[in-house]
Amino acid sequence: MRDHLPEFRRCHEREQERDSSFIPRVSPSFVIGADGTVTSASSGVDKAHPDLDACILRVLEGMRFPPPQGGVTVTVSYPWH
């Protein structure tokens, strides 16, 4: 996640340029598949901010992780404010 923080920040900054009163509260969750790719994701963003939702989903879906041990999937929740 740390490697992708600059991308997440850019998503937030773009949204704040559109709406300066916006305070980002993001609670993304995603599933890491047996091969280490993200197989499903949710931005955890209020749907009133569709551009931010789409931006965060693009970042999440592009992330790669080491494959989980045992060939299982792993669900991750990563809230931040």
PDB file of N, CA and C in Angstrom:
ATOM      1  N   MET A   1       0.825  -1.186   0.000  1.00  0.00           N
ATOM      2  CA  MET A   1       0.000   0.000   0.000  1.00  0.00           C
ATOM      3  C   MET A   1       0.876   1.259   0.000  1.00  0.00           C
ATOM      4  N   ARG A   2       1.946   1.223   0.764  1.00  0.00           N
ATOM      5  CA  ARG A   2       2.807   2.420   0.843  1.00  0.00           C
ATOM      6  C   ARG A   2       3.354   2.818  -0.516  1.00  0.00           C
ATOM      7  N   ASP A   3       3.685   1.823  -1.333  1.00  0.00           N
ATOM      8  CA  ASP A   3       4.223   2.123  -2.653  1.00  0.00           C
ATOM      9  C   ASP A   3       3.228   2.909  -3.512  1.00  0.00           C
ATOM     10  N   HIS A   4       1.943   2.766  -3.211  1.00  0.00           N
ATOM     11  CA  HIS A   4       0.907   3.400  -4.026  1.00  0.00           C
ATOM     12  C   HIS A   4       0.318   4.660  -3.392  1.00  0.00           C
ATOM     13  N   LEU A   5       0.822   5.055  -2.230  1.00  0.00           N
ATOM     14  CA  LEU A   5       0.291   6.254  -1.569  1.00  0.00           C
ATOM     15  C   LEU A   5       0.330   7.499  -2.453  1.00  0.00           C
ATOM     16  N   PRO A   6       1.395   7.732  -3.230  1.00  0.00           N
ATOM     17  CA  PRO A   6       1.379   8.915  -4.099  1.00  0.00           C
ATOM     18  C   PRO A   6       0.207   8.891  -5.099  1.00  0.00           C
ATOM     19  N   GLU A   7      -0.138   7.719  -5.596  1.00  0.00           N
ATOM     20  CA  GLU A   7      -1.264   7.614  -6.523  1.00  0.00           C
ATOM     21  C   GLU A   7      -2.579   7.932  -5.811  1.00  0.00           C
ATOM     22  N   PHE A   8      -2.749   7.396  -4.597  1.00  0.00           N
ATOM     23  CA  PHE A   8      -3.954   7.689  -3.828  1.00  0.00           C
ATOM     24  C   PHE A   8      -4.039   9.184  -3.521  1.00  0.00           C
ATOM     25  N   ARG A   9      -2.916   9.786  -3.187  1.00  0.00           N
ATOM     26  CA  ARG A   9      -2.894  11.224  -2.897  1.00  0.00           C
ATOM     27  C   ARG A   9      -3.339  12.046  -4.111  1.00  0.00           C
ATOM     28  N   ARG A  10      -2.861  11.645  -5.288  1.00  0.00           N
ATOM     29  CA  ARG A  10      -3.266  12.352  -6.506  1.00  0.00           C
ATOM     30  C   ARG A  10      -4.779  12.263  -6.708  1.00  0.00           C
ATOM     31  N   CYS A  11      -5.349  11.101  -6.418  1.00  0.00           N
ATOM     32  CA  CYS A  11      -6.807  10.953  -6.514  1.00  0.00           C
ATOM     33  C   CYS A  11      -7.498  11.951  -5.590  1.00  0.00           C
ATOM     34  N   HIS A  12      -7.025  12.025  -4.341  1.00  0.00           N
ATOM     35  CA  HIS A  12      -7.617  12.946  -3.363  1.00  0.00           C
ATOM     36  C   HIS A  12      -7.439  14.399  -3.782  1.00  0.00           C
ATOM     37  N   GLU A  13      -6.248  14.730  -4.249  1.00  0.00           N
ATOM     38  CA  GLU A  13      -5.968  16.114  -4.627  1.00  0.00           C
ATOM     39  C   GLU A  13      -6.867  16.569  -5.766  1.00  0.00           C
ATOM     40  N   ARG A  14      -7.096  15.699  -6.738  1.00  0.00           N
ATOM     41  CA  ARG A  14      -7.990  16.050  -7.843  1.00  0.00           C
ATOM     42  C   ARG A  14      -9.399  16.312  -7.340  1.00  0.00           C
ATOM     43  N   GLU A  15      -9.854  15.487  -6.411  1.00  0.00           N
ATOM     44  CA  GLU A  15     -11.199  15.672  -5.867  1.00  0.00           C
ATOM     45  C   GLU A  15     -11.283  16.966  -5.054  1.00  0.00           C
ATOM     46  N   GLN A  16     -10.244  17.279  -4.314  1.00  0.00           N
ATOM     47  CA  GLN A  16     -10.255  18.506  -3.522  1.00  0.00           C
ATOM     48  C   GLN A  16     -10.187  19.747  -4.408  1.00  0.00           C
ATOM     49  N   GLU A  17      -9.589  19.620  -5.595  1.00  0.00           N
ATOM     50  CA  GLU A  17      -9.604  20.741  -6.533  1.00  0.00           C
ATOM     51  C   GLU A  17     -11.025  21.022  -7.016  1.00  0.00           C
ATOM     52  N   ARG A  18     -11.814  19.966  -7.184  1.00  0.00           N
ATOM     53  CA  ARG A  18     -13.203  20.114  -7.612  1.00  0.00           C
ATOM     54  C   ARG A  18     -14.090  20.633  -6.480  1.00  0.00           C
ATOM     55  N   ASP A  19     -13.800  20.173  -5.265  1.00  0.00           N
ATOM     56  CA  ASP A  19     -14.635  20.506  -4.102  1.00  0.00           C
ATOM     57  C   ASP A  19     -13.715  20.748  -2.915  1.00  0.00           C
ATOM     58  N   SER A  20     -13.374  22.009  -2.684  1.00  0.00           N
ATOM     59  CA  SER A  20     -12.395  22.332  -1.638  1.00  0.00           C
ATOM     60  C   SER A  20     -12.882  21.995  -0.235  1.00  0.00           C
ATOM     61  N   SER A  21     -14.179  21.806  -0.057  1.00  0.00           N
ATOM     62  CA  SER A  21     -14.703  21.453   1.267  1.00  0.00           C
ATOM     63  C   SER A  21     -14.662  19.946   1.522  1.00  0.00           C
ATOM     64  N   PHE A  22     -14.297  19.190   0.499  1.00  0.00           N
ATOM     65  CA  PHE A  22     -14.274  17.735   0.616  1.00  0.00           C
ATOM     66  C   PHE A  22     -13.177  17.280   1.575  1.00  0.00           C
ATOM     67  N   ILE A  23     -13.559  16.474   2.544  1.00  0.00           N
ATOM     68  CA  ILE A  23     -12.605  15.864   3.474  1.00  0.00           C
ATOM     69  C   ILE A  23     -12.611  14.366   3.178  1.00  0.00           C
ATOM     70  N   PRO A  24     -11.518  13.871   2.620  1.00  0.00           N
ATOM     71  CA  PRO A  24     -11.515  12.460   2.218  1.00  0.00           C
ATOM     72  C   PRO A  24     -11.582  11.498   3.404  1.00  0.00           C
ATOM     73  N   ARG A  25     -12.539  10.620   3.343  1.00  0.00           N
ATOM     74  CA  ARG A  25     -12.652   9.515   4.282  1.00  0.00           C
ATOM     75  C   ARG A  25     -12.785   8.275   3.404  1.00  0.00           C
ATOM     76  N   VAL A  26     -11.746   7.516   3.371  1.00  0.00           N
ATOM     77  CA  VAL A  26     -11.671   6.393   2.449  1.00  0.00           C
ATOM     78  C   VAL A  26     -11.461   5.111   3.230  1.00  0.00           C
ATOM     79  N   SER A  27     -12.217   4.095   2.873  1.00  0.00           N
ATOM     80  CA  SER A  27     -12.089   2.784   3.523  1.00  0.00           C
ATOM     81  C   SER A  27     -12.047   1.695   2.462  1.00  0.00           C
ATOM     82  N   PRO A  28     -10.969   1.670   1.675  1.00  0.00           N
ATOM     83  CA  PRO A  28     -10.928   0.664   0.615  1.00  0.00           C
ATOM     84  C   PRO A  28     -10.813  -0.747   1.171  1.00  0.00           C
ATOM     85  N   SER A  29     -11.351  -1.666   0.408  1.00  0.00           N
ATOM     86  CA  SER A  29     -11.166  -3.081   0.710  1.00  0.00           C
ATOM     87  C   SER A  29     -10.952  -3.786  -0.624  1.00  0.00           C
ATOM     88  N   PHE A  30     -10.208  -4.870  -0.572  1.00  0.00           N
ATOM     89  CA  PHE A  30      -9.914  -5.591  -1.800  1.00  0.00           C
ATOM     90  C   PHE A  30      -9.561  -7.032  -1.479  1.00  0.00           C
ATOM     91  N   VAL A  31      -9.629  -7.862  -2.509  1.00  0.00           N
ATOM     92  CA  VAL A  31      -9.302  -9.279  -2.373  1.00  0.00           C
ATOM     93  C   VAL A  31      -8.048  -9.548  -3.194  1.00  0.00           C
ATOM     94  N   ILE A  32      -7.067 -10.143  -2.545  1.00  0.00           N
ATOM     95  CA  ILE A  32      -5.840 -10.566  -3.232  1.00  0.00           C
ATOM     96  C   ILE A  32      -6.039 -12.020  -3.625  1.00  0.00           C
ATOM     97  N   GLY A  33      -5.970 -12.294  -4.921  1.00  0.00           N
ATOM     98  CA  GLY A  33      -6.147 -13.643  -5.425  1.00  0.00           C
ATOM     99  C   GLY A  33      -4.921 -14.505  -5.184  1.00  0.00           C
ATOM    100  N   ALA A  34      -5.070 -15.775  -5.470  1.00  0.00           N
ATOM    101  CA  ALA A  34      -3.997 -16.744  -5.241  1.00  0.00           C
ATOM    102  C   ALA A  34      -2.725 -16.406  -6.010  1.00  0.00           C
ATOM    103  N   ASP A  35      -2.856 -15.647  -7.115  1.00  0.00           N
ATOM    104  CA  ASP A  35      -1.671 -15.279  -7.907  1.00  0.00           C
ATOM    105  C   ASP A  35      -1.098 -13.913  -7.518  1.00  0.00           C
ATOM    106  N   GLY A  36      -1.686 -13.255  -6.503  1.00  0.00           N
ATOM    107  CA  GLY A  36      -1.181 -11.971  -6.042  1.00  0.00           C
ATOM    108  C   GLY A  36      -1.829 -10.766  -6.691  1.00  0.00           C
ATOM    109  N   THR A  37      -2.747 -10.983  -7.633  1.00  0.00           N
ATOM    110  CA  THR A  37      -3.449  -9.857  -8.248  1.00  0.00           C
ATOM    111  C   THR A  37      -4.696  -9.516  -7.438  1.00  0.00           C
ATOM    112  N   VAL A  38      -5.149  -8.296  -7.575  1.00  0.00           N
ATOM    113  CA  VAL A  38      -6.382  -7.871  -6.918  1.00  0.00           C
ATOM    114  C   VAL A  38      -7.544  -8.357  -7.783  1.00  0.00           C
ATOM    115  N   THR A  39      -8.372  -9.217  -7.211  1.00  0.00           N
ATOM    116  CA  THR A  39      -9.463  -9.814  -7.976  1.00  0.00           C
ATOM    117  C   THR A  39     -10.773  -9.062  -7.823  1.00  0.00           C
ATOM    118  N   SER A  40     -10.931  -8.309  -6.758  1.00  0.00           N
ATOM    119  CA  SER A  40     -12.100  -7.436  -6.595  1.00  0.00           C
ATOM    120  C   SER A  40     -11.720  -6.330  -5.630  1.00  0.00           C
ATOM    121  N   ALA A  41     -12.412  -5.189  -5.766  1.00  0.00           N
ATOM    122  CA  ALA A  41     -12.058  -4.040  -4.927  1.00  0.00           C
ATOM    123  C   ALA A  41     -13.260  -3.130  -4.742  1.00  0.00           C
ATOM    124  N   SER A  42     -13.250  -2.446  -3.629  1.00  0.00           N
ATOM    125  CA  SER A  42     -14.225  -1.405  -3.325  1.00  0.00           C
ATOM    126  C   SER A  42     -13.451  -0.221  -2.770  1.00  0.00           C
ATOM    127  N   SER A  43     -13.751   0.970  -3.269  1.00  0.00           N
ATOM    128  CA  SER A  43     -13.007   2.148  -2.828  1.00  0.00           C
ATOM    129  C   SER A  43     -13.407   2.593  -1.431  1.00  0.00           C
ATOM    130  N   GLY A  44     -14.631   2.300  -1.034  1.00  0.00           N
ATOM    131  CA  GLY A  44     -15.115   2.773   0.255  1.00  0.00           C
ATOM    132  C   GLY A  44     -15.404   4.261   0.263  1.00  0.00           C
ATOM    133  N   VAL A  45     -15.542   4.845  -0.931  1.00  0.00           N
ATOM    134  CA  VAL A  45     -15.794   6.276  -1.073  1.00  0.00           C
ATOM    135  C   VAL A  45     -17.289   6.495  -1.254  1.00  0.00           C
ATOM    136  N   ASP A  46     -17.794   7.570  -0.664  1.00  0.00           N
ATOM    137  CA  ASP A  46     -19.179   7.973  -0.848  1.00  0.00           C
ATOM    138  C   ASP A  46     -19.454   8.091  -2.351  1.00  0.00           C
ATOM    139  N   LYS A  47     -20.523   7.505  -2.817  1.00  0.00           N
ATOM    140  CA  LYS A  47     -20.842   7.504  -4.252  1.00  0.00           C
ATOM    141  C   LYS A  47     -21.149   8.898  -4.789  1.00  0.00           C
ATOM    142  N   ALA A  48     -21.215   9.889  -3.920  1.00  0.00           N
ATOM    143  CA  ALA A  48     -21.384  11.271  -4.372  1.00  0.00           C
ATOM    144  C   ALA A  48     -20.109  11.797  -5.021  1.00  0.00           C
ATOM    145  N   HIS A  49     -19.037  11.008  -4.955  1.00  0.00           N
ATOM    146  CA  HIS A  49     -17.746  11.401  -5.527  1.00  0.00           C
ATOM    147  C   HIS A  49     -17.293  10.324  -6.522  1.00  0.00           C
ATOM    148  N   PRO A  50     -18.003  10.204  -7.658  1.00  0.00           N
ATOM    149  CA  PRO A  50     -17.709   9.107  -8.594  1.00  0.00           C
ATOM    150  C   PRO A  50     -16.312   9.169  -9.204  1.00  0.00           C
ATOM    151  N   ASP A  51     -15.764  10.366  -9.411  1.00  0.00           N
ATOM    152  CA  ASP A  51     -14.417  10.455  -9.986  1.00  0.00           C
ATOM    153  C   ASP A  51     -13.372   9.931  -9.012  1.00  0.00           C
ATOM    154  N   LEU A  52     -13.544  10.255  -7.737  1.00  0.00           N
ATOM    155  CA  LEU A  52     -12.622   9.745  -6.716  1.00  0.00           C
ATOM    156  C   LEU A  52     -12.764   8.233  -6.595  1.00  0.00           C
ATOM    157  N   ASP A  53     -13.990   7.749  -6.612  1.00  0.00           N
ATOM    158  CA  ASP A  53     -14.245   6.313  -6.557  1.00  0.00           C
ATOM    159  C   ASP A  53     -13.510   5.607  -7.700  1.00  0.00           C
ATOM    160  N   ALA A  54     -13.678   6.112  -8.913  1.00  0.00           N
ATOM    161  CA  ALA A  54     -13.056   5.484 -10.084  1.00  0.00           C
ATOM    162  C   ALA A  54     -11.532   5.534 -10.004  1.00  0.00           C
ATOM    163  N   CYS A  55     -10.988   6.654  -9.548  1.00  0.00           N
ATOM    164  CA  CYS A  55      -9.536   6.815  -9.447  1.00  0.00           C
ATOM    165  C   CYS A  55      -8.958   5.805  -8.447  1.00  0.00           C
ATOM    166  N   ILE A  56      -9.568   5.707  -7.294  1.00  0.00           N
ATOM    167  CA  ILE A  56      -9.069   4.781  -6.267  1.00  0.00           C
ATOM    168  C   ILE A  56      -9.195   3.341  -6.744  1.00  0.00           C
ATOM    169  N   LEU A  57     -10.297   3.014  -7.419  1.00  0.00           N
ATOM    170  CA  LEU A  57     -10.444   1.653  -7.941  1.00  0.00           C
ATOM    171  C   LEU A  57      -9.351   1.328  -8.957  1.00  0.00           C
ATOM    172  N   ARG A  58      -8.997   2.292  -9.819  1.00  0.00           N
ATOM    173  CA  ARG A  58      -7.913   2.049 -10.789  1.00  0.00           C
ATOM    174  C   ARG A  58      -6.604   1.726 -10.072  1.00  0.00           C
ATOM    175  N   VAL A  59      -6.315   2.465  -9.013  1.00  0.00           N
ATOM    176  CA  VAL A  59      -5.080   2.213  -8.258  1.00  0.00           C
ATOM    177  C   VAL A  59      -5.149   0.825  -7.619  1.00  0.00           C
ATOM    178  N   LEU A  60      -6.243   0.535  -6.940  1.00  0.00           N
ATOM    179  CA  LEU A  60      -6.373  -0.765  -6.264  1.00  0.00           C
ATOM    180  C   LEU A  60      -6.261  -1.918  -7.243  1.00  0.00           C
ATOM    181  N   GLU A  61      -6.943  -1.812  -8.366  1.00  0.00           N
ATOM    182  CA  GLU A  61      -6.957  -2.912  -9.331  1.00  0.00           C
ATOM    183  C   GLU A  61      -5.614  -3.100 -10.020  1.00  0.00           C
ATOM    184  N   GLY A  62      -4.763  -2.092  -9.990  1.00  0.00           N
ATOM    185  CA  GLY A  62      -3.440  -2.206 -10.596  1.00  0.00           C
ATOM    186  C   GLY A  62      -2.367  -2.714  -9.641  1.00  0.00           C
ATOM    187  N   MET A  63      -2.729  -2.904  -8.388  1.00  0.00           N
ATOM    188  CA  MET A  63      -1.735  -3.330  -7.396  1.00  0.00           C
ATOM    189  C   MET A  63      -1.435  -4.819  -7.534  1.00  0.00           C
ATOM    190  N   ARG A  64      -0.195  -5.181  -7.207  1.00  0.00           N
ATOM    191  CA  ARG A  64       0.232  -6.579  -7.221  1.00  0.00           C
ATOM    192  C   ARG A  64       0.893  -6.888  -5.889  1.00  0.00           C
ATOM    193  N   PHE A  65       0.652  -8.076  -5.398  1.00  0.00           N
ATOM    194  CA  PHE A  65       1.193  -8.519  -4.120  1.00  0.00           C
ATOM    195  C   PHE A  65       1.864  -9.879  -4.305  1.00  0.00           C
ATOM    196  N   PRO A  66       2.717 -10.258  -3.361  1.00  0.00           N
ATOM    197  CA  PRO A  66       3.226 -11.623  -3.400  1.00  0.00           C
ATOM    198  C   PRO A  66       2.052 -12.590  -3.251  1.00  0.00           C
ATOM    199  N   PRO A  67       2.047 -13.686  -3.970  1.00  0.00           N
ATOM    200  CA  PRO A  67       0.943 -14.644  -3.828  1.00  0.00           C
ATOM    201  C   PRO A  67       0.814 -15.111  -2.372  1.00  0.00           C
ATOM    202  N   PRO A  68      -0.414 -15.154  -1.851  1.00  0.00           N
ATOM    203  CA  PRO A  68      -0.609 -15.647  -0.484  1.00  0.00           C
ATOM    204  C   PRO A  68      -0.168 -17.104  -0.366  1.00  0.00           C
ATOM    205  N   GLN A  69       0.368 -17.440   0.776  1.00  0.00           N
ATOM    206  CA  GLN A  69       0.804 -18.823   1.009  1.00  0.00           C
ATOM    207  C   GLN A  69      -0.398 -19.749   1.009  1.00  0.00           C
ATOM    208  N   GLY A  70      -0.219 -20.918   0.478  1.00  0.00           N
ATOM    209  CA  GLY A  70      -1.272 -21.924   0.486  1.00  0.00           C
ATOM    210  C   GLY A  70      -2.288 -21.775  -0.629  1.00  0.00           C
ATOM    211  N   GLY A  71      -2.061 -20.840  -1.564  1.00  0.00           N
ATOM    212  CA  GLY A  71      -2.959 -20.698  -2.704  1.00  0.00           C
ATOM    213  C   GLY A  71      -4.345 -20.186  -2.333  1.00  0.00           C
ATOM    214  N   VAL A  72      -4.454 -19.461  -1.244  1.00  0.00           N
ATOM    215  CA  VAL A  72      -5.751 -18.938  -0.812  1.00  0.00           C
ATOM    216  C   VAL A  72      -5.921 -17.500  -1.276  1.00  0.00           C
ATOM    217  N   THR A  73      -7.105 -16.949  -1.075  1.00  0.00           N
ATOM    218  CA  THR A  73      -7.315 -15.527  -1.312  1.00  0.00           C
ATOM    219  C   THR A  73      -7.312 -14.812   0.036  1.00  0.00           C
ATOM    220  N   VAL A  74      -7.000 -13.541   0.008  1.00  0.00           N
ATOM    221  CA  VAL A  74      -6.925 -12.746   1.234  1.00  0.00           C
ATOM    222  C   VAL A  74      -7.757 -11.478   1.034  1.00  0.00           C
ATOM    223  N   THR A  75      -8.641 -11.189   1.986  1.00  0.00           N
ATOM    224  CA  THR A  75      -9.430  -9.966   1.958  1.00  0.00           C
ATOM    225  C   THR A  75      -8.769  -8.937   2.865  1.00  0.00           C
ATOM    226  N   VAL A  76      -8.594  -7.734   2.334  1.00  0.00           N
ATOM    227  CA  VAL A  76      -7.904  -6.678   3.058  1.00  0.00           C
ATOM    228  C   VAL A  76      -8.831  -5.459   3.171  1.00  0.00           C
ATOM    229  N   SER A  77      -8.922  -4.899   4.367  1.00  0.00           N
ATOM    230  CA  SER A  77      -9.585  -3.615   4.593  1.00  0.00           C
ATOM    231  C   SER A  77      -8.511  -2.659   5.070  1.00  0.00           C
ATOM    232  N   TYR A  78      -8.485  -1.459   4.466  1.00  0.00           N
ATOM    233  CA  TYR A  78      -7.416  -0.521   4.767  1.00  0.00           C
ATOM    234  C   TYR A  78      -7.996   0.892   4.926  1.00  0.00           C
ATOM    235  N   PRO A  79      -8.732   1.141   6.002  1.00  0.00           N
ATOM    236  CA  PRO A  79      -9.327   2.468   6.157  1.00  0.00           C
ATOM    237  C   PRO A  79      -8.299   3.529   6.526  1.00  0.00           C
ATOM    238  N   TRP A  80      -8.491   4.708   6.005  1.00  0.00           N
ATOM    239  CA  TRP A  80      -7.704   5.857   6.415  1.00  0.00           C
ATOM    240  C   TRP A  80      -8.558   7.112   6.271  1.00  0.00           C
ATOM    241  N   HIS A  81      -8.148   8.150   6.970  1.00  0.00           N
ATOM    242  CA  HIS A  81      -8.891   9.425   6.942  1.00  0.00           C
ATOM    243  C   HIS A  81      -7.936  10.544   6.649  1.00  0.00           C
TER     244      HIS A  81
END
